[in-house]
Each structure stands twice: as structure tokens, then as C-alpha cells.
Amino acid sequence: MSISLKAVDTKKTNAMFGDMIKRMNNPQKIMGQVALKAWSDVQDHFKKEEGPGGKWKSLRPATVAARRKGKKKSRGNKILQDTGNLRNRILFRNNGKDAEVVTSVIYAATHNYGRDNIPKRTFLFLSKEAIKSIMTTLQRFIRTGG
């Protein structure tokens, strides 16, 4: 017993794959959307105050007390958001072929990876949900251009 398949007219299929290859070689149209999705995900980490392993370590009581002593721009007890400088200086960019989420804040790595007395509070990563959404967006773009 066997099943036999024969390609009769491959022009449509060849054209479809040709279009897909063109889109993959020219991703400028989609990379802005990818960068925005990634940036939005990083912003969500600040809102939820959590990293890939769960909630960030709470602020020390001494940190909370220092914030209450009259800093004009303090945002209360929000972790990594005392003045909003770090969160507000997370940017997205793309050069047509790559999408990035970046920051130029000098102390960002210290908080993202931890150091000495400063606990690790990872914020610069993509959640599983964001990766899935980005992959769906890229697949749709490659298949249909939309």
C-alpha cells in the first residue's frame, strides 16, 4: 500500500515562497513592532515588580525609611522606581534588521544582575508570553506580510 503525490503546477507555491524570502530579507517593516513589544514587556516587569524567577526582593526597611524622609520626587515604595529615572530611560530601537531594548543608565546593570549589598532584580529580559507574541508576529509577517 502506498500514497503517491505529484506536483502539477508549482508556480503558485514558488511565488509564495519567493514572497516569504523577500519579506525575511527585508524585515524593516516588522522590526519596529518587535522592538515595541519587547519594550512593553520590560515596562511590565517594573509594573509587576518581578523578574523571571518571580517577585523582586522587597526593599530593606532602611530604604523605605530613607524615602519617607522627604525626597520630593520619590514614588513611594515601588522597587527600582524611586525617581522613575531607570524605568523612564529604557528605550527601544531598531535598525531595520535588529530590535533592541536598551538603557544608558549607569547603574542599570547593578540592579539587573545584583552586586555586593544590592540584590539582583532582573528587569531586562523577555517573558515567555512576550517571546510567544513576538514569534507569532514574525511568523504572520513572513507568511502574509501583515
C-alpha atoms as a PDB file:
ATOM      1  CA  MET A   1       0.000   0.000   0.000  1.00  0.00           C
ATOM      2  CA  SER A   2       1.301   3.477  -0.839  1.00  0.00           C
ATOM      3  CA  ILE A   3       0.230   7.032  -1.423  1.00  0.00           C
ATOM      4  CA  SER A   4       1.638   8.926  -4.336  1.00  0.00           C
ATOM      5  CA  LEU A   5       1.733  12.735  -4.633  1.00  0.00           C
ATOM      6  CA  LYS A   6       2.633  14.605  -7.756  1.00  0.00           C
ATOM      7  CA  ALA A   7       3.364  18.314  -8.038  1.00  0.00           C
ATOM      8  CA  VAL A   8       1.426  19.500 -11.054  1.00  0.00           C
ATOM      9  CA  ASP A   9       1.615  23.300 -11.020  1.00  0.00           C
ATOM     10  CA  THR A  10       4.248  24.718  -8.685  1.00  0.00           C
ATOM     11  CA  LYS A  11       4.108  28.326  -9.911  1.00  0.00           C
ATOM     12  CA  LYS A  12       1.827  29.473  -7.057  1.00  0.00           C
ATOM     13  CA  THR A  13       3.916  27.660  -4.464  1.00  0.00           C
ATOM     14  CA  ASN A  14       7.154  29.042  -5.868  1.00  0.00           C
ATOM     15  CA  ALA A  15       5.697  32.556  -5.892  1.00  0.00           C
ATOM     16  CA  MET A  16       4.506  32.182  -2.291  1.00  0.00           C
ATOM     17  CA  PHE A  17       7.933  31.024  -1.097  1.00  0.00           C
ATOM     18  CA  GLY A  18       9.590  33.758  -3.154  1.00  0.00           C
ATOM     19  CA  ASP A  19       7.454  36.369  -1.382  1.00  0.00           C
ATOM     20  CA  MET A  20       8.308  34.859   2.005  1.00  0.00           C
ATOM     21  CA  ILE A  21      12.017  35.022   1.239  1.00  0.00           C
ATOM     22  CA  LYS A  22      11.717  38.669   0.180  1.00  0.00           C
ATOM     23  CA  ARG A  23       9.990  39.526   3.468  1.00  0.00           C
ATOM     24  CA  MET A  24      12.623  37.660   5.504  1.00  0.00           C
ATOM     25  CA  ASN A  25      15.393  39.536   3.682  1.00  0.00           C
ATOM     26  CA  ASN A  26      13.695  42.901   4.305  1.00  0.00           C
ATOM     27  CA  PRO A  27      12.351  42.851   7.877  1.00  0.00           C
ATOM     28  CA  GLN A  28      12.311  46.654   8.323  1.00  0.00           C
ATOM     29  CA  LYS A  29       8.509  46.768   8.306  1.00  0.00           C
ATOM     30  CA  ILE A  30       8.156  44.377  11.251  1.00  0.00           C
ATOM     31  CA  MET A  31      11.169  45.157  13.441  1.00  0.00           C
ATOM     32  CA  GLY A  32       9.608  48.328  14.866  1.00  0.00           C
ATOM     33  CA  GLN A  33       6.664  46.253  16.087  1.00  0.00           C
ATOM     34  CA  VAL A  34       9.016  43.664  17.571  1.00  0.00           C
ATOM     35  CA  ALA A  35      11.014  46.343  19.394  1.00  0.00           C
ATOM     36  CA  LEU A  36       7.830  47.917  20.774  1.00  0.00           C
ATOM     37  CA  LYS A  37       6.526  44.553  22.025  1.00  0.00           C
ATOM     38  CA  ALA A  38       9.849  43.863  23.752  1.00  0.00           C
ATOM     39  CA  TRP A  39       9.932  47.344  25.347  1.00  0.00           C
ATOM     40  CA  SER A  40       6.354  46.966  26.565  1.00  0.00           C
ATOM     41  CA  ASP A  41       7.241  43.639  28.181  1.00  0.00           C
ATOM     42  CA  VAL A  42      10.194  45.188  30.039  1.00  0.00           C
ATOM     43  CA  GLN A  43       7.916  48.002  31.254  1.00  0.00           C
ATOM     44  CA  ASP A  44       5.521  45.344  32.582  1.00  0.00           C
ATOM     45  CA  HIS A  45       8.332  43.949  34.738  1.00  0.00           C
ATOM     46  CA  PHE A  46       8.508  47.303  36.513  1.00  0.00           C
ATOM     47  CA  LYS A  47       4.729  47.449  36.953  1.00  0.00           C
ATOM     48  CA  LYS A  48       4.589  43.907  38.348  1.00  0.00           C
ATOM     49  CA  GLU A  49       7.922  44.273  40.190  1.00  0.00           C
ATOM     50  CA  GLU A  50       9.008  40.829  39.091  1.00  0.00           C
ATOM     51  CA  GLY A  51      11.719  39.026  37.173  1.00  0.00           C
ATOM     52  CA  PRO A  52      11.869  35.640  35.501  1.00  0.00           C
ATOM     53  CA  GLY A  53      12.052  33.945  38.915  1.00  0.00           C
ATOM     54  CA  GLY A  54       9.100  35.780  40.458  1.00  0.00           C
ATOM     55  CA  LYS A  55       8.685  38.876  42.624  1.00  0.00           C
ATOM     56  CA  TRP A  56      11.718  41.083  43.200  1.00  0.00           C
ATOM     57  CA  LYS A  57      13.232  41.105  46.670  1.00  0.00           C
ATOM     58  CA  SER A  58      11.441  43.663  48.864  1.00  0.00           C
ATOM     59  CA  LEU A  59      13.045  46.942  49.801  1.00  0.00           C
ATOM     60  CA  ARG A  60      15.002  46.966  53.033  1.00  0.00           C
ATOM     61  CA  PRO A  61      13.328  48.836  55.914  1.00  0.00           C
ATOM     62  CA  ALA A  62      16.193  51.350  55.894  1.00  0.00           C
ATOM     63  CA  THR A  63      15.498  52.117  52.220  1.00  0.00           C
ATOM     64  CA  VAL A  64      11.788  52.638  52.887  1.00  0.00           C
ATOM     65  CA  ALA A  65      12.585  54.921  55.853  1.00  0.00           C
ATOM     66  CA  ALA A  66      15.055  56.971  53.801  1.00  0.00           C
ATOM     67  CA  ARG A  67      12.431  57.502  51.099  1.00  0.00           C
ATOM     68  CA  ARG A  68       9.953  58.808  53.653  1.00  0.00           C
ATOM     69  CA  LYS A  69      12.348  61.497  54.852  1.00  0.00           C
ATOM     70  CA  GLY A  70      11.316  63.984  52.227  1.00  0.00           C
ATOM     71  CA  LYS A  71      12.608  63.206  48.767  1.00  0.00           C
ATOM     72  CA  LYS A  72      10.488  65.414  46.540  1.00  0.00           C
ATOM     73  CA  LYS A  73      10.382  63.057  43.543  1.00  0.00           C
ATOM     74  CA  SER A  74      10.040  59.761  45.423  1.00  0.00           C
ATOM     75  CA  ARG A  75       7.484  57.279  44.100  1.00  0.00           C
ATOM     76  CA  GLY A  76       6.886  55.687  47.482  1.00  0.00           C
ATOM     77  CA  ASN A  77       7.877  52.084  47.967  1.00  0.00           C
ATOM     78  CA  LYS A  78       7.955  50.993  44.332  1.00  0.00           C
ATOM     79  CA  ILE A  79      11.033  48.848  43.778  1.00  0.00           C
ATOM     80  CA  LEU A  80      13.585  50.287  41.288  1.00  0.00           C
ATOM     81  CA  GLN A  81      11.279  53.261  40.745  1.00  0.00           C
ATOM     82  CA  ASP A  82      12.162  55.789  43.435  1.00  0.00           C
ATOM     83  CA  THR A  83      12.606  58.644  40.960  1.00  0.00           C
ATOM     84  CA  GLY A  84      11.496  56.854  37.786  1.00  0.00           C
ATOM     85  CA  ASN A  85      14.844  57.548  36.110  1.00  0.00           C
ATOM     86  CA  LEU A  86      15.689  53.907  35.357  1.00  0.00           C
ATOM     87  CA  ARG A  87      12.233  52.923  34.121  1.00  0.00           C
ATOM     88  CA  ASN A  88      11.846  56.073  32.028  1.00  0.00           C
ATOM     89  CA  ARG A  89      15.217  55.636  30.349  1.00  0.00           C
ATOM     90  CA  ILE A  90      14.523  52.182  28.968  1.00  0.00           C
ATOM     91  CA  LEU A  91      14.211  52.671  25.228  1.00  0.00           C
ATOM     92  CA  PHE A  92      13.523  50.546  22.193  1.00  0.00           C
ATOM     93  CA  ARG A  93      15.176  50.886  18.843  1.00  0.00           C
ATOM     94  CA  ASN A  94      15.631  49.043  15.614  1.00  0.00           C
ATOM     95  CA  ASN A  95      17.909  49.491  12.658  1.00  0.00           C
ATOM     96  CA  GLY A  96      15.703  47.632  10.207  1.00  0.00           C
ATOM     97  CA  LYS A  97      17.256  44.227  10.860  1.00  0.00           C
ATOM     98  CA  ASP A  98      17.560  44.154  14.658  1.00  0.00           C
ATOM     99  CA  ALA A  99      15.268  45.151  17.516  1.00  0.00           C
ATOM    100  CA  GLU A 100      16.691  46.133  20.903  1.00  0.00           C
ATOM    101  CA  VAL A 101      15.593  47.292  24.319  1.00  0.00           C
ATOM    102  CA  VAL A 102      18.369  49.364  25.867  1.00  0.00           C
ATOM    103  CA  THR A 103      19.216  51.763  28.642  1.00  0.00           C
ATOM    104  CA  SER A 104      22.125  54.111  29.197  1.00  0.00           C
ATOM    105  CA  VAL A 105      21.524  54.363  32.948  1.00  0.00           C
ATOM    106  CA  ILE A 106      24.888  53.653  34.501  1.00  0.00           C
ATOM    107  CA  TYR A 107      23.508  51.715  37.481  1.00  0.00           C
ATOM    108  CA  ALA A 108      21.090  49.545  35.468  1.00  0.00           C
ATOM    109  CA  ALA A 109      23.391  46.513  35.346  1.00  0.00           C
ATOM    110  CA  THR A 110      23.967  46.685  39.111  1.00  0.00           C
ATOM    111  CA  HIS A 111      20.240  46.284  39.729  1.00  0.00           C
ATOM    112  CA  ASN A 112      19.622  43.832  36.898  1.00  0.00           C
ATOM    113  CA  TYR A 113      22.412  41.451  37.968  1.00  0.00           C
ATOM    114  CA  GLY A 114      22.939  42.443  41.617  1.00  0.00           C
ATOM    115  CA  ARG A 115      26.224  43.373  43.294  1.00  0.00           C
ATOM    116  CA  ASP A 116      27.596  43.479  46.833  1.00  0.00           C
ATOM    117  CA  ASN A 117      24.660  44.552  49.068  1.00  0.00           C
ATOM    118  CA  ILE A 118      22.323  45.219  46.145  1.00  0.00           C
ATOM    119  CA  PRO A 119      20.024  42.292  45.368  1.00  0.00           C
ATOM    120  CA  LYS A 120      19.512  41.030  41.842  1.00  0.00           C
ATOM    121  CA  ARG A 121      16.243  42.380  40.440  1.00  0.00           C
ATOM    122  CA  THR A 122      16.190  41.298  36.820  1.00  0.00           C
ATOM    123  CA  PHE A 123      14.118  43.615  34.656  1.00  0.00           C
ATOM    124  CA  LEU A 124      15.821  43.454  31.259  1.00  0.00           C
ATOM    125  CA  PHE A 125      14.518  40.161  29.869  1.00  0.00           C
ATOM    126  CA  LEU A 126      11.622  38.904  27.755  1.00  0.00           C
ATOM    127  CA  SER A 127       8.848  36.912  29.385  1.00  0.00           C
ATOM    128  CA  LYS A 128       7.654  33.661  27.844  1.00  0.00           C
ATOM    129  CA  GLU A 129       4.433  35.440  26.848  1.00  0.00           C
ATOM    130  CA  ALA A 130       6.349  38.209  25.058  1.00  0.00           C
ATOM    131  CA  ILE A 131       8.529  35.708  23.209  1.00  0.00           C
ATOM    132  CA  LYS A 132       5.421  33.830  22.086  1.00  0.00           C
ATOM    133  CA  SER A 133       3.752  37.066  20.940  1.00  0.00           C
ATOM    134  CA  ILE A 134       6.868  38.188  19.057  1.00  0.00           C
ATOM    135  CA  MET A 135       7.223  34.793  17.386  1.00  0.00           C
ATOM    136  CA  THR A 136       3.550  34.877  16.313  1.00  0.00           C
ATOM    137  CA  THR A 137       4.044  38.384  14.903  1.00  0.00           C
ATOM    138  CA  LEU A 138       7.156  37.318  12.975  1.00  0.00           C
ATOM    139  CA  GLN A 139       5.500  34.169  11.640  1.00  0.00           C
ATOM    140  CA  ARG A 140       2.475  36.146  10.431  1.00  0.00           C
ATOM    141  CA  PHE A 141       4.759  38.698   8.784  1.00  0.00           C
ATOM    142  CA  ILE A 142       6.748  36.003   6.979  1.00  0.00           C
ATOM    143  CA  ARG A 143       3.595  34.196   5.821  1.00  0.00           C
ATOM    144  CA  THR A 144       1.423  37.143   4.817  1.00  0.00           C
ATOM    145  CA  GLY A 145       3.413  40.382   5.163  1.00  0.00           C
ATOM    146  CA  GLY A 146       0.989  41.619   7.825  1.00  0.00           C
END
